[in-house]
C-alpha atoms as a PDB file:
ATOM      1  CA  MET A   1       0.037  -0.267   0.358  1.00  0.00           C
ATOM      2  CA  LYS A   2       0.703   3.895  -0.231  1.00  0.00           C
ATOM      3  CA  ALA A   3       1.943   5.141   2.686  1.00  0.00           C
ATOM      4  CA  LEU A   4       1.176   8.843   3.803  1.00  0.00           C
ATOM      5  CA  ARG A   5       2.877  11.051   1.289  1.00  0.00           C
ATOM      6  CA  ILE A   6       4.686  13.809   3.497  1.00  0.00           C
ATOM      7  CA  ALA A   7       5.151  17.352   2.079  1.00  0.00           C
ATOM      8  CA  ILE A   8       8.209  17.954  -1.364  1.00  0.00           C
ATOM      9  CA  ALA A   9       8.615  13.820  -0.968  1.00  0.00           C
ATOM     10  CA  THR A  10       5.462  13.741  -4.079  1.00  0.00           C
ATOM     11  CA  VAL A  11       7.290  15.819  -6.389  1.00  0.00           C
ATOM     12  CA  ALA A  12       8.566  12.743  -7.514  1.00  0.00           C
ATOM     13  CA  VAL A  13       5.335  11.224  -8.224  1.00  0.00           C
ATOM     14  CA  ALA A  14       4.264  11.403 -11.737  1.00  0.00           C
ATOM     15  CA  LEU A  15       0.149  11.077 -12.312  1.00  0.00           C
ATOM     16  CA  LEU A  16      -1.291  10.529 -15.489  1.00  0.00           C
ATOM     17  CA  PRO A  17      -3.193  13.242 -17.657  1.00  0.00           C
ATOM     18  CA  LEU A  18      -6.370  12.833 -18.510  1.00  0.00           C
ATOM     19  CA  ALA A  19      -7.387  13.916 -22.202  1.00  0.00           C
ATOM     20  CA  PRO A  20      -8.793  17.372 -22.773  1.00  0.00           C
ATOM     21  CA  ALA A  21     -12.157  17.667 -23.082  1.00  0.00           C
ATOM     22  CA  GLY A  22     -12.843  18.521 -26.844  1.00  0.00           C
ATOM     23  CA  ALA A  23      -9.551  17.205 -28.602  1.00  0.00           C
ATOM     24  CA  THR A  24      -9.894  15.630 -31.485  1.00  0.00           C
ATOM     25  CA  TYR A  25      -8.649  12.353 -31.585  1.00  0.00           C
ATOM     26  CA  PRO A  26      -7.087  10.488 -34.899  1.00  0.00           C
ATOM     27  CA  GLY A  27     -10.039   7.834 -33.783  1.00  0.00           C
ATOM     28  CA  GLU A  28     -11.647   6.423 -30.751  1.00  0.00           C
ATOM     29  CA  ASN A  29     -10.017   3.646 -28.462  1.00  0.00           C
ATOM     30  CA  GLY A  30      -6.628   4.690 -30.707  1.00  0.00           C
ATOM     31  CA  LYS A  31      -2.970   4.058 -29.624  1.00  0.00           C
ATOM     32  CA  ILE A  32      -2.175   3.779 -25.103  1.00  0.00           C
ATOM     33  CA  LEU A  33       0.575   4.878 -24.498  1.00  0.00           C
ATOM     34  CA  TYR A  34       2.849   3.078 -21.619  1.00  0.00           C
ATOM     35  CA  VAL A  35       6.380   3.085 -20.616  1.00  0.00           C
ATOM     36  CA  ARG A  36       8.518  -0.039 -19.614  1.00  0.00           C
ATOM     37  CA  TYR A  37      10.497  -0.316 -16.420  1.00  0.00           C
ATOM     38  CA  ASP A  38      13.345  -2.650 -16.698  1.00  0.00           C
ATOM     39  CA  GLY A  39      15.862  -1.753 -13.896  1.00  0.00           C
ATOM     40  CA  ARG A  40      18.206   0.084 -15.624  1.00  0.00           C
ATOM     41  CA  GLY A  41      15.811   2.835 -17.369  1.00  0.00           C
ATOM     42  CA  SER A  42      12.285   3.017 -19.322  1.00  0.00           C
ATOM     43  CA  ASP A  43      11.078   3.998 -22.400  1.00  0.00           C
ATOM     44  CA  PRO A  44       7.913   4.918 -24.033  1.00  0.00           C
ATOM     45  CA  PHE A  45       5.867   2.241 -26.024  1.00  0.00           C
ATOM     46  CA  ALA A  46       2.789   2.263 -28.071  1.00  0.00           C
ATOM     47  CA  ILE A  47       0.230  -0.396 -28.430  1.00  0.00           C
ATOM     48  CA  ASP A  48      -3.317  -1.255 -29.608  1.00  0.00           C
ATOM     49  CA  ALA A  49      -6.718  -1.653 -27.109  1.00  0.00           C
ATOM     50  CA  ASP A  50      -6.388  -4.540 -27.833  1.00  0.00           C
ATOM     51  CA  GLY A  51      -2.532  -6.073 -27.433  1.00  0.00           C
ATOM     52  CA  SER A  52      -2.091  -5.598 -31.198  1.00  0.00           C
ATOM     53  CA  ASN A  53       0.797  -3.784 -33.133  1.00  0.00           C
ATOM     54  CA  ARG A  54       3.010  -3.168 -30.028  1.00  0.00           C
ATOM     55  CA  ALA A  55       6.038  -0.475 -31.101  1.00  0.00           C
ATOM     56  CA  ARG A  56       8.835   0.878 -29.293  1.00  0.00           C
ATOM     57  CA  LEU A  57       9.400   4.269 -29.126  1.00  0.00           C
ATOM     58  CA  ALA A  58      12.700   5.125 -27.849  1.00  0.00           C
ATOM     59  CA  ASN A  59      15.583   3.499 -27.252  1.00  0.00           C
ATOM     60  CA  THR A  60      18.270   4.881 -25.070  1.00  0.00           C
ATOM     61  CA  VAL A  61      20.064   4.290 -22.028  1.00  0.00           C
ATOM     62  CA  THR A  62      18.404   6.498 -19.779  1.00  0.00           C
ATOM     63  CA  SER A  63      14.953   6.945 -19.163  1.00  0.00           C
ATOM     64  CA  GLU A  64      11.791   8.699 -20.528  1.00  0.00           C
ATOM     65  CA  VAL A  65       8.731   8.438 -18.071  1.00  0.00           C
ATOM     66  CA  ASP A  66       5.393  11.074 -17.405  1.00  0.00           C
ATOM     67  CA  ALA A  67       4.713  10.564 -21.438  1.00  0.00           C
ATOM     68  CA  VAL A  68       1.406  11.923 -22.614  1.00  0.00           C
ATOM     69  CA  TYR A  69      -0.332  12.467 -26.204  1.00  0.00           C
ATOM     70  CA  SER A  70      -0.600  15.821 -27.575  1.00  0.00           C
ATOM     71  CA  PRO A  71      -4.851  16.652 -27.722  1.00  0.00           C
ATOM     72  CA  ASP A  72      -5.023  15.446 -31.493  1.00  0.00           C
ATOM     73  CA  GLY A  73      -2.448  12.634 -30.811  1.00  0.00           C
ATOM     74  CA  THR A  74       0.506  13.385 -33.500  1.00  0.00           C
ATOM     75  CA  LYS A  75       2.646  13.635 -30.822  1.00  0.00           C
ATOM     76  CA  ILE A  76       4.123  12.884 -28.239  1.00  0.00           C
ATOM     77  CA  ALA A  77       5.629  15.109 -24.988  1.00  0.00           C
ATOM     78  CA  PHE A  78       7.512  12.918 -22.050  1.00  0.00           C
ATOM     79  CA  THR A  79      10.714  13.851 -19.627  1.00  0.00           C
ATOM     80  CA  TYR A  80      13.667  12.582 -20.334  1.00  0.00           C
ATOM     81  CA  HIS A  81      16.400  11.990 -18.233  1.00  0.00           C
ATOM     82  CA  LEU A  82      20.122  12.176 -19.421  1.00  0.00           C
ATOM     83  CA  ASP A  83      23.651  12.991 -17.397  1.00  0.00           C
ATOM     84  CA  GLY A  84      22.564  14.074 -13.993  1.00  0.00           C
ATOM     85  CA  GLY A  85      19.491  16.248 -15.224  1.00  0.00           C
ATOM     86  CA  SER A  86      16.145  16.280 -16.396  1.00  0.00           C
ATOM     87  CA  GLU A  87      14.371  18.035 -20.025  1.00  0.00           C
ATOM     88  CA  ILE A  88      11.291  18.084 -21.787  1.00  0.00           C
ATOM     89  CA  TYR A  89      10.993  16.528 -25.223  1.00  0.00           C
ATOM     90  CA  VAL A  90       8.569  16.760 -27.746  1.00  0.00           C
ATOM     91  CA  MET A  91       8.499  13.783 -30.625  1.00  0.00           C
ATOM     92  CA  ASN A  92       5.824  13.052 -33.504  1.00  0.00           C
ATOM     93  CA  ALA A  93       3.591   9.993 -32.512  1.00  0.00           C
ATOM     94  CA  ASP A  94       5.586   7.478 -34.254  1.00  0.00           C
ATOM     95  CA  GLY A  95       8.814   8.252 -32.337  1.00  0.00           C
ATOM     96  CA  THR A  96      10.437  10.171 -35.009  1.00  0.00           C
ATOM     97  CA  GLY A  97      11.183  13.924 -34.892  1.00  0.00           C
ATOM     98  CA  LEU A  98      11.931  14.265 -31.598  1.00  0.00           C
ATOM     99  CA  THR A  99      13.756  17.575 -30.225  1.00  0.00           C
ATOM    100  CA  ALA A 100      14.005  19.839 -27.008  1.00  0.00           C
ATOM    101  CA  VAL A 101      11.344  21.716 -25.344  1.00  0.00           C
ATOM    102  CA  THR A 102      13.311  23.016 -22.267  1.00  0.00           C
ATOM    103  CA  SER A 103      17.039  23.280 -21.407  1.00  0.00           C
ATOM    104  CA  GLY A 104      19.178  23.921 -18.592  1.00  0.00           C
ATOM    105  CA  PRO A 105      20.181  23.309 -15.338  1.00  0.00           C
ATOM    106  CA  LEU A 106      16.410  22.619 -13.119  1.00  0.00           C
ATOM    107  CA  LEU A 107      14.824  19.607 -13.111  1.00  0.00           C
ATOM    108  CA  LYS A 108      11.949  19.024 -15.317  1.00  0.00           C
ATOM    109  CA  ARG A 109       9.038  16.853 -15.071  1.00  0.00           C
ATOM    110  CA  PHE A 110       5.414  16.168 -15.905  1.00  0.00           C
ATOM    111  CA  PRO A 111       4.864  17.682 -18.872  1.00  0.00           C
ATOM    112  CA  GLU A 112       1.353  18.798 -19.934  1.00  0.00           C
ATOM    113  CA  TRP A 113      -0.208  19.973 -23.107  1.00  0.00           C
ATOM    114  CA  SER A 114      -2.277  22.793 -23.250  1.00  0.00           C
ATOM    115  CA  PRO A 115      -5.563  21.840 -25.282  1.00  0.00           C
ATOM    116  CA  ASP A 116      -5.088  23.631 -28.323  1.00  0.00           C
ATOM    117  CA  GLY A 117      -1.713  22.039 -28.923  1.00  0.00           C
ATOM    118  CA  THR A 118       0.474  24.703 -28.291  1.00  0.00           C
ATOM    119  CA  ARG A 119       2.106  24.988 -25.557  1.00  0.00           C
ATOM    120  CA  LEU A 120       3.186  22.692 -22.852  1.00  0.00           C
ATOM    121  CA  ALA A 121       3.385  23.497 -18.643  1.00  0.00           C
ATOM    122  CA  TYR A 122       5.493  21.677 -16.314  1.00  0.00           C
ATOM    123  CA  MET A 123       7.443  21.679 -13.185  1.00  0.00           C
ATOM    124  CA  ALA A 124      11.022  22.795 -12.795  1.00  0.00           C
ATOM    125  CA  LYS A 125      12.686  21.676  -9.684  1.00  0.00           C
ATOM    126  CA  ARG A 126      16.150  23.105  -8.529  1.00  0.00           C
ATOM    127  CA  ARG A 127      18.220  20.306  -6.753  1.00  0.00           C
ATOM    128  CA  ARG A 128      17.882  22.231  -3.551  1.00  0.00           C
ATOM    129  CA  GLY A 129      14.825  24.525  -3.229  1.00  0.00           C
ATOM    130  CA  GLY A 130      11.695  25.052  -4.305  1.00  0.00           C
ATOM    131  CA  SER A 131       9.754  23.840  -7.309  1.00  0.00           C
ATOM    132  CA  MET A 132       8.421  25.698 -10.296  1.00  0.00           C
ATOM    133  CA  ILE A 133       5.040  26.124 -12.394  1.00  0.00           C
ATOM    134  CA  PHE A 134       6.730  27.241 -16.057  1.00  0.00           C
ATOM    135  CA  VAL A 135       4.654  27.498 -19.287  1.00  0.00           C
ATOM    136  CA  LYS A 136       6.342  27.415 -22.921  1.00  0.00           C
ATOM    137  CA  ASN A 137       5.704  26.946 -26.153  1.00  0.00           C
ATOM    138  CA  VAL A 138       6.439  23.837 -28.075  1.00  0.00           C
ATOM    139  CA  ASP A 139       8.761  25.137 -30.081  1.00  0.00           C
ATOM    140  CA  GLY A 140      10.666  25.743 -27.140  1.00  0.00           C
ATOM    141  CA  THR A 141       9.874  29.942 -27.045  1.00  0.00           C
ATOM    142  CA  GLY A 142       8.521  31.838 -25.126  1.00  0.00           C
ATOM    143  CA  LYS A 143       8.961  30.644 -21.671  1.00  0.00           C
ATOM    144  CA  THR A 144       6.589  31.889 -18.427  1.00  0.00           C
ATOM    145  CA  ARG A 145       7.136  31.145 -15.072  1.00  0.00           C
ATOM    146  CA  LEU A 146       3.819  30.987 -13.326  1.00  0.00           C
ATOM    147  CA  THR A 147       4.883  30.416  -9.436  1.00  0.00           C
ATOM    148  CA  ALA A 148       7.358  31.543  -7.242  1.00  0.00           C
ATOM    149  CA  LYS A 149      10.932  30.611  -6.513  1.00  0.00           C
ATOM    150  CA  GLY A 150      10.757  29.839  -3.157  1.00  0.00           C
ATOM    151  CA  GLY A 151       7.789  28.021  -3.011  1.00  0.00           C
ATOM    152  CA  HIS A 152       7.009  24.252  -3.546  1.00  0.00           C
ATOM    153  CA  ASN A 153       4.167  23.417  -6.602  1.00  0.00           C
ATOM    154  CA  THR A 154       3.877  20.429  -9.076  1.00  0.00           C
ATOM    155  CA  HIS A 155       1.571  19.096 -11.334  1.00  0.00           C
ATOM    156  CA  PRO A 156      -0.079  21.753 -13.248  1.00  0.00           C
ATOM    157  CA  LYS A 157      -3.016  20.387 -15.008  1.00  0.00           C
ATOM    158  CA  TRP A 158      -4.276  22.502 -17.779  1.00  0.00           C
ATOM    159  CA  SER A 159      -9.108  23.174 -17.634  1.00  0.00           C
ATOM    160  CA  PRO A 160     -10.540  21.974 -20.941  1.00  0.00           C
ATOM    161  CA  ASP A 161     -11.067  25.379 -21.551  1.00  0.00           C
ATOM    162  CA  GLY A 162      -7.084  26.459 -21.906  1.00  0.00           C
ATOM    163  CA  THR A 163      -8.383  29.474 -19.506  1.00  0.00           C
ATOM    164  CA  ARG A 164      -7.003  28.181 -16.151  1.00  0.00           C
ATOM    165  CA  ILE A 165      -3.792  25.682 -14.448  1.00  0.00           C
ATOM    166  CA  ALA A 166      -4.463  23.494 -11.761  1.00  0.00           C
ATOM    167  CA  TYR A 167      -1.260  22.905  -9.279  1.00  0.00           C
ATOM    168  CA  VAL A 168      -0.401  21.322  -6.302  1.00  0.00           C
ATOM    169  CA  HIS A 169       1.027  23.929  -3.725  1.00  0.00           C
ATOM    170  CA  TRP A 170       2.952  22.075  -0.944  1.00  0.00           C
ATOM    171  CA  GLY A 171       3.373  23.759   2.561  1.00  0.00           C
ATOM    172  CA  ARG A 172       5.484  22.229   5.625  1.00  0.00           C
ATOM    173  CA  ARG A 173       2.930  20.245   6.546  1.00  0.00           C
ATOM    174  CA  THR A 174      -0.174  20.775   4.025  1.00  0.00           C
ATOM    175  CA  SER A 175      -0.741  21.083   0.417  1.00  0.00           C
ATOM    176  CA  ASP A 176      -3.578  22.417  -1.352  1.00  0.00           C
ATOM    177  CA  ILE A 177      -4.738  22.384  -4.886  1.00  0.00           C
ATOM    178  CA  TYR A 178      -4.912  26.164  -6.340  1.00  0.00           C
ATOM    179  CA  VAL A 179      -5.844  27.406  -9.556  1.00  0.00           C
ATOM    180  CA  MET A 180      -4.127  30.409 -12.296  1.00  0.00           C
ATOM    181  CA  ASN A 181      -4.534  31.888 -15.485  1.00  0.00           C
ATOM    182  CA  PRO A 182      -1.660  31.209 -18.154  1.00  0.00           C
ATOM    183  CA  ASP A 183       0.047  33.535 -17.305  1.00  0.00           C
ATOM    184  CA  GLY A 184       0.760  32.806 -13.603  1.00  0.00           C
ATOM    185  CA  ALA A 185      -2.359  35.809 -12.576  1.00  0.00           C
ATOM    186  CA  ASN A 186      -5.333  35.302 -10.355  1.00  0.00           C
ATOM    187  CA  LYS A 187      -4.041  32.428  -8.194  1.00  0.00           C
ATOM    188  CA  SER A 188      -6.535  30.953  -6.219  1.00  0.00           C
ATOM    189  CA  ASN A 189      -6.258  28.333  -3.060  1.00  0.00           C
ATOM    190  CA  LEU A 190      -9.637  25.901  -3.621  1.00  0.00           C
ATOM    191  CA  THR A 191      -9.096  23.711  -0.745  1.00  0.00           C
ATOM    192  CA  ALA A 192      -7.270  25.715   2.489  1.00  0.00           C
ATOM    193  CA  THR A 193      -7.369  22.920   4.588  1.00  0.00           C
ATOM    194  CA  ARG A 194      -4.667  21.459   7.436  1.00  0.00           C
ATOM    195  CA  THR A 195      -4.533  18.121   4.998  1.00  0.00           C
ATOM    196  CA  TYR A 196      -2.937  17.071   2.458  1.00  0.00           C
ATOM    197  CA  GLU A 197      -4.578  17.006  -1.105  1.00  0.00           C
ATOM    198  CA  ALA A 198      -3.030  16.267  -4.064  1.00  0.00           C
ATOM    199  CA  GLY A 199      -3.981  14.829  -7.884  1.00  0.00           C
ATOM    200  CA  PRO A 200      -6.132  17.487  -9.474  1.00  0.00           C
ATOM    201  CA  SER A 201      -7.873  15.971 -12.363  1.00  0.00           C
ATOM    202  CA  TRP A 202     -10.429  18.730 -14.234  1.00  0.00           C
ATOM    203  CA  SER A 203     -14.051  17.200 -14.814  1.00  0.00           C
ATOM    204  CA  PRO A 204     -14.451  17.679 -18.866  1.00  0.00           C
ATOM    205  CA  THR A 205     -16.886  20.937 -18.279  1.00  0.00           C
ATOM    206  CA  GLY A 206     -13.975  22.620 -16.221  1.00  0.00           C
ATOM    207  CA  THR A 207     -16.465  23.614 -13.869  1.00  0.00           C
ATOM    208  CA  GLU A 208     -14.701  20.811 -10.932  1.00  0.00           C
ATOM    209  CA  ILE A 209     -11.848  19.403 -10.191  1.00  0.00           C
ATOM    210  CA  ALA A 210     -11.538  15.902  -8.792  1.00  0.00           C
ATOM    211  CA  TYR A 211      -8.440  15.460  -5.769  1.00  0.00           C
ATOM    212  CA  GLU A 212      -7.415  13.248  -3.284  1.00  0.00           C
ATOM    213  CA  ARG A 213      -7.270  14.221   0.554  1.00  0.00           C
ATOM    214  CA  SER A 214      -5.516  12.435   3.564  1.00  0.00           C
ATOM    215  CA  LYS A 215      -7.950  11.570   6.254  1.00  0.00           C
ATOM    216  CA  ASN A 216      -7.757  13.041   9.607  1.00  0.00           C
ATOM    217  CA  ASN A 217      -5.835  11.170  11.548  1.00  0.00           C
ATOM    218  CA  SER A 218      -6.018   7.555   9.571  1.00  0.00           C
ATOM    219  CA  PHE A 219      -4.760   5.716   6.798  1.00  0.00           C
ATOM    220  CA  GLY A 220      -4.410   6.994   3.273  1.00  0.00           C
ATOM    221  CA  PHE A 221      -6.808   9.088   1.339  1.00  0.00           C
ATOM    222  CA  ASP A 222     -10.530  10.251   0.298  1.00  0.00           C
ATOM    223  CA  VAL A 223     -11.727  11.254  -2.989  1.00  0.00           C
ATOM    224  CA  PHE A 224     -13.111  14.823  -3.258  1.00  0.00           C
ATOM    225  CA  ALA A 225     -14.041  17.527  -5.746  1.00  0.00           C
ATOM    226  CA  VAL A 226     -14.181  21.116  -5.350  1.00  0.00           C
ATOM    227  CA  ASP A 227     -15.795  24.067  -7.613  1.00  0.00           C
ATOM    228  CA  LEU A 228     -13.942  26.834  -8.617  1.00  0.00           C
ATOM    229  CA  ASP A 229     -15.145  28.922  -5.463  1.00  0.00           C
ATOM    230  CA  GLY A 230     -14.114  26.761  -3.433  1.00  0.00           C
ATOM    231  CA  ASN A 231     -16.782  24.050  -2.335  1.00  0.00           C
ATOM    232  CA  ARG A 232     -15.856  20.964  -1.511  1.00  0.00           C
ATOM    233  CA  ARG A 233     -17.802  17.829  -1.783  1.00  0.00           C
ATOM    234  CA  ALA A 234     -16.560  14.158  -0.524  1.00  0.00           C
ATOM    235  CA  LEU A 235     -17.195  11.415  -3.975  1.00  0.00           C
ATOM    236  CA  SER A 236     -15.872   8.538  -1.878  1.00  0.00           C
ATOM    237  CA  ARG A 237     -15.050   7.735   2.097  1.00  0.00           C
ATOM    238  CA  ILE A 238     -14.527   4.504   3.790  1.00  0.00           C
ATOM    239  CA  ASP A 239     -12.811   3.900   6.437  1.00  0.00           C
ATOM    240  CA  GLY A 240     -10.427   1.433   6.572  1.00  0.00           C
ATOM    241  CA  LEU A 241      -9.327   2.272   2.820  1.00  0.00           C
ATOM    242  CA  SER A 242      -7.364   4.774   0.830  1.00  0.00           C
ATOM    243  CA  GLU A 243      -9.016   5.730  -2.435  1.00  0.00           C
ATOM    244  CA  GLU A 244      -6.206   7.599  -4.384  1.00  0.00           C
ATOM    245  CA  ALA A 245      -5.647   9.568  -8.139  1.00  0.00           C
ATOM    246  CA  PRO A 246      -9.090   9.718  -9.223  1.00  0.00           C
ATOM    247  CA  ARG A 247      -9.227  10.815 -12.885  1.00  0.00           C
ATOM    248  CA  PHE A 248     -12.826  11.907 -14.212  1.00  0.00           C
ATOM    249  CA  SER A 249     -13.822  10.360 -17.429  1.00  0.00           C
ATOM    250  CA  PRO A 250     -13.923  12.276 -20.806  1.00  0.00           C
ATOM    251  CA  ASN A 251     -17.700  12.587 -20.834  1.00  0.00           C
ATOM    252  CA  GLY A 252     -18.008  13.596 -17.178  1.00  0.00           C
ATOM    253  CA  GLU A 253     -20.391  11.047 -16.095  1.00  0.00           C
ATOM    254  CA  LEU A 254     -17.790   8.623 -14.058  1.00  0.00           C
ATOM    255  CA  VAL A 255     -14.755   8.867 -11.786  1.00  0.00           C
ATOM    256  CA  SER A 256     -12.164   6.602 -11.578  1.00  0.00           C
ATOM    257  CA  TYR A 257      -9.529   5.906  -8.655  1.00  0.00           C
ATOM    258  CA  LEU A 258      -7.576   3.259  -7.019  1.00  0.00           C
ATOM    259  CA  GLU A 259      -8.615   1.164  -3.791  1.00  0.00           C
ATOM    260  CA  CYS A 260      -6.073   0.376  -1.340  1.00  0.00           C
ATOM    261  CA  GLY A 261      -6.691  -1.760   1.949  1.00  0.00           C
ATOM    262  CA  ARG A 262      -3.693  -2.308   4.687  1.00  0.00           C
ATOM    263  CA  ARG A 263      -4.382  -5.498   3.950  1.00  0.00           C
ATOM    264  CA  ALA A 264      -6.655  -6.254   1.133  1.00  0.00           C
ATOM    265  CA  GLY A 265      -4.246  -4.934  -1.716  1.00  0.00           C
ATOM    266  CA  CYS A 266      -5.231  -2.651  -4.586  1.00  0.00           C
ATOM    267  CA  SER A 267      -8.760  -2.279  -6.752  1.00  0.00           C
ATOM    268  CA  LEU A 268      -9.617   0.055  -9.555  1.00  0.00           C
ATOM    269  CA  VAL A 269     -13.133   1.641  -9.211  1.00  0.00           C
ATOM    270  CA  VAL A 270     -15.648   3.367 -10.569  1.00  0.00           C
ATOM    271  CA  ILE A 271     -18.209   5.805  -9.401  1.00  0.00           C
ATOM    272  CA  ASN A 272     -20.654   7.849 -11.028  1.00  0.00           C
ATOM    273  CA  ALA A 273     -19.642  11.737 -10.779  1.00  0.00           C
ATOM    274  CA  ASP A 274     -22.131  12.226  -8.108  1.00  0.00           C
ATOM    275  CA  GLY A 275     -20.338  10.120  -6.122  1.00  0.00           C
ATOM    276  CA  SER A 276     -23.019   7.048  -6.464  1.00  0.00           C
ATOM    277  CA  GLY A 277     -23.064   3.864  -7.687  1.00  0.00           C
ATOM    278  CA  ARG A 278     -19.657   2.715  -6.377  1.00  0.00           C
ATOM    279  CA  ARG A 279     -18.196  -0.038  -8.463  1.00  0.00           C
ATOM    280  CA  LYS A 280     -14.965  -2.164  -8.402  1.00  0.00           C
ATOM    281  CA  LEU A 281     -13.508  -3.351 -12.166  1.00  0.00           C
ATOM    282  CA  ALA A 282     -10.638  -4.922 -11.339  1.00  0.00           C
ATOM    283  CA  ASP A 283      -8.325  -6.290  -8.511  1.00  0.00           C
ATOM    284  CA  ILE A 284      -4.552  -4.740  -8.528  1.00  0.00           C
ATOM    285  CA  SER A 285      -2.292  -5.723  -6.580  1.00  0.00           C
ATOM    286  CA  ASP A 286      -2.521  -8.313  -3.535  1.00  0.00           C
ATOM    287  CA  PRO A 287      -1.998  -6.899  -0.273  1.00  0.00           C
ATOM    288  CA  SER A 288       2.175  -7.565  -0.404  1.00  0.00           C
ATOM    289  CA  TYR A 289       2.650  -5.861  -2.914  1.00  0.00           C
ATOM    290  CA  ALA A 290       2.859  -1.315  -2.873  1.00  0.00           C
ATOM    291  CA  LEU A 291       1.452  -0.135  -6.023  1.00  0.00           C
ATOM    292  CA  PRO A 292       4.133   2.828  -7.361  1.00  0.00           C
ATOM    293  CA  ASP A 293       2.749   5.901  -6.324  1.00  0.00           C
ATOM    294  CA  GLY A 294       1.055   7.804  -8.702  1.00  0.00           C
ATOM    295  CA  MET A 295      -0.003   5.597 -10.688  1.00  0.00           C
ATOM    296  CA  SER A 296      -3.376   5.758 -11.799  1.00  0.00           C
ATOM    297  CA  ALA A 297      -5.799   4.381 -14.680  1.00  0.00           C
ATOM    298  CA  VAL A 298      -6.127   6.201 -17.952  1.00  0.00           C
ATOM    299  CA  TRP A 299      -9.528   5.851 -20.214  1.00  0.00           C
ATOM    300  CA  SER A 300     -10.602   5.484 -23.411  1.00  0.00           C
ATOM    301  CA  PRO A 301     -11.517   8.909 -25.148  1.00  0.00           C
ATOM    302  CA  ASP A 302     -15.060   7.191 -25.540  1.00  0.00           C
ATOM    303  CA  SER A 303     -15.268   6.955 -21.297  1.00  0.00           C
ATOM    304  CA  THR A 304     -15.504   3.089 -22.381  1.00  0.00           C
ATOM    305  CA  LYS A 305     -12.698   1.480 -20.965  1.00  0.00           C
ATOM    306  CA  LEU A 306      -9.950   1.726 -18.742  1.00  0.00           C
ATOM    307  CA  ALA A 307      -6.432   1.039 -19.469  1.00  0.00           C
ATOM    308  CA  TYR A 308      -4.043   0.045 -15.743  1.00  0.00           C
ATOM    309  CA  SER A 309      -1.090  -1.428 -14.710  1.00  0.00           C
ATOM    310  CA  GLY A 310      -1.908  -4.652 -12.656  1.00  0.00           C
ATOM    311  CA  MET A 311       0.843  -7.198 -10.809  1.00  0.00           C
ATOM    312  CA  PRO A 312      -0.711 -10.914 -11.803  1.00  0.00           C
ATOM    313  CA  GLY A 313      -0.706 -13.194  -8.985  1.00  0.00           C
ATOM    314  CA  SER A 314       2.198 -12.900  -7.127  1.00  0.00           C
ATOM    315  CA  ARG A 315       4.297 -11.635  -9.572  1.00  0.00           C
ATOM    316  CA  TYR A 316       6.261  -8.710  -8.442  1.00  0.00           C
ATOM    317  CA  LEU A 317       5.942  -6.906 -11.990  1.00  0.00           C
ATOM    318  CA  LEU A 318       3.142  -5.067 -13.728  1.00  0.00           C
ATOM    319  CA  ASP A 319       1.184  -5.774 -16.429  1.00  0.00           C
ATOM    320  CA  LEU A 320      -1.173  -3.982 -19.294  1.00  0.00           C
ATOM    321  CA  TYR A 321      -4.463  -3.829 -18.863  1.00  0.00           C
ATOM    322  CA  VAL A 322      -7.352  -2.776 -20.421  1.00  0.00           C
ATOM    323  CA  VAL A 323     -11.150  -3.197 -18.761  1.00  0.00           C
ATOM    324  CA  GLU A 324     -14.840  -2.769 -20.076  1.00  0.00           C
ATOM    325  CA  VAL A 325     -16.406  -0.349 -18.003  1.00  0.00           C
ATOM    326  CA  ALA A 326     -19.737  -1.578 -18.678  1.00  0.00           C
ATOM    327  CA  ASP A 327     -19.400  -5.058 -17.228  1.00  0.00           C
ATOM    328  CA  GLY A 328     -15.967  -5.109 -15.850  1.00  0.00           C
ATOM    329  CA  GLU A 329     -14.511  -8.003 -18.946  1.00  0.00           C
ATOM    330  CA  VAL A 330     -10.809  -8.144 -18.526  1.00  0.00           C
ATOM    331  CA  THR A 331      -8.361  -7.962 -21.495  1.00  0.00           C
ATOM    332  CA  ARG A 332      -4.120  -7.977 -20.482  1.00  0.00           C
ATOM    333  CA  LEU A 333      -2.582  -6.597 -23.389  1.00  0.00           C
ATOM    334  CA  SER A 334       1.063  -7.514 -22.576  1.00  0.00           C
ATOM    335  CA  ASN A 335       3.131  -9.986 -20.261  1.00  0.00           C
ATOM    336  CA  THR A 336       6.761  -9.666 -20.147  1.00  0.00           C
ATOM    337  CA  PRO A 337       9.138 -11.382 -17.955  1.00  0.00           C
ATOM    338  CA  GLY A 338      11.591  -8.867 -15.513  1.00  0.00           C
ATOM    339  CA  LEU A 339       9.449  -5.752 -16.724  1.00  0.00           C
ATOM    340  CA  ASP A 340       7.520  -3.858 -15.022  1.00  0.00           C
ATOM    341  CA  GLU A 341       5.028  -1.700 -17.892  1.00  0.00           C
ATOM    342  CA  ILE A 342       3.046   1.556 -16.428  1.00  0.00           C
ATOM    343  CA  ALA A 343      -0.239   2.980 -18.609  1.00  0.00           C
ATOM    344  CA  ALA A 344       0.669   6.918 -19.306  1.00  0.00           C
ATOM    345  CA  SER A 345      -1.765   7.992 -22.086  1.00  0.00           C
ATOM    346  CA  TRP A 346      -5.141   7.220 -24.727  1.00  0.00           C
ATOM    347  CA  GLN A 347      -4.709   8.717 -28.098  1.00  0.00           C
END
């Protein structure tokens, strides 16, 4: 199980992105983007939803993480670790045309496409200092710092209409969900509690943000939603369970999340957007296995399926799966001995 995350330790957590509402895709249920880890590094792969046409998109001696399709599905942004640092790169969806978007001494993570596909928001962290949110054009021009140098700010997420960016601001003993304009103006703390809140996921209408909130003096997290006026509502609060990594479906009708017990392993669960109708879709891990922090399921563009990574039986490695939301039918897409494969984005 995932232990309660403490303040800035979660800078290293990679939350997986939701496709922006209104995006134009090459086709429904297109390629699934995932990252394969082999113990020495990691590379991005793409695969069809039925497990066919697997393609390795990069093959390096370093690590590529945080991979995410552009809104039109033609490009991929990711974090490229090299020479002791990390930069944001972009390439075509077939792995060609590798281009650096960022450069310099700061460690960059968590690229997030603007809905029109022209800009990237990302986190940049000093090795011994704070972390900041930046926005930059995809061609590498026009860099703008949106948050102060001395703070700890992570995981930027564009609103579906591109007018706001949600992010996580870390204090000494708390974290909150903030929103701001794409130029850094009009910052607003939406949660403002004395606990930890993280993992923002916009509803497709842009009126609410789902997130995880640590339980008071208890194990794990609950799932909440907040509107842009700061009005909060609980979507799921179950004693003895940690509910993590909520994601709105592209049609806005459902929210997926991971549900983990201290001694019961983790499952993939969906609920209606009003918090009713909780359904367990799939078992992900057994009690002896701790899922990687920041792992979540990834919605198909038509909201009928979820891609996720799970541990089959007692083999402590994650393979790639797809589950039908309507009936819970599971299809296994990978079975790669000695390798972890983490779902990242759906074209």
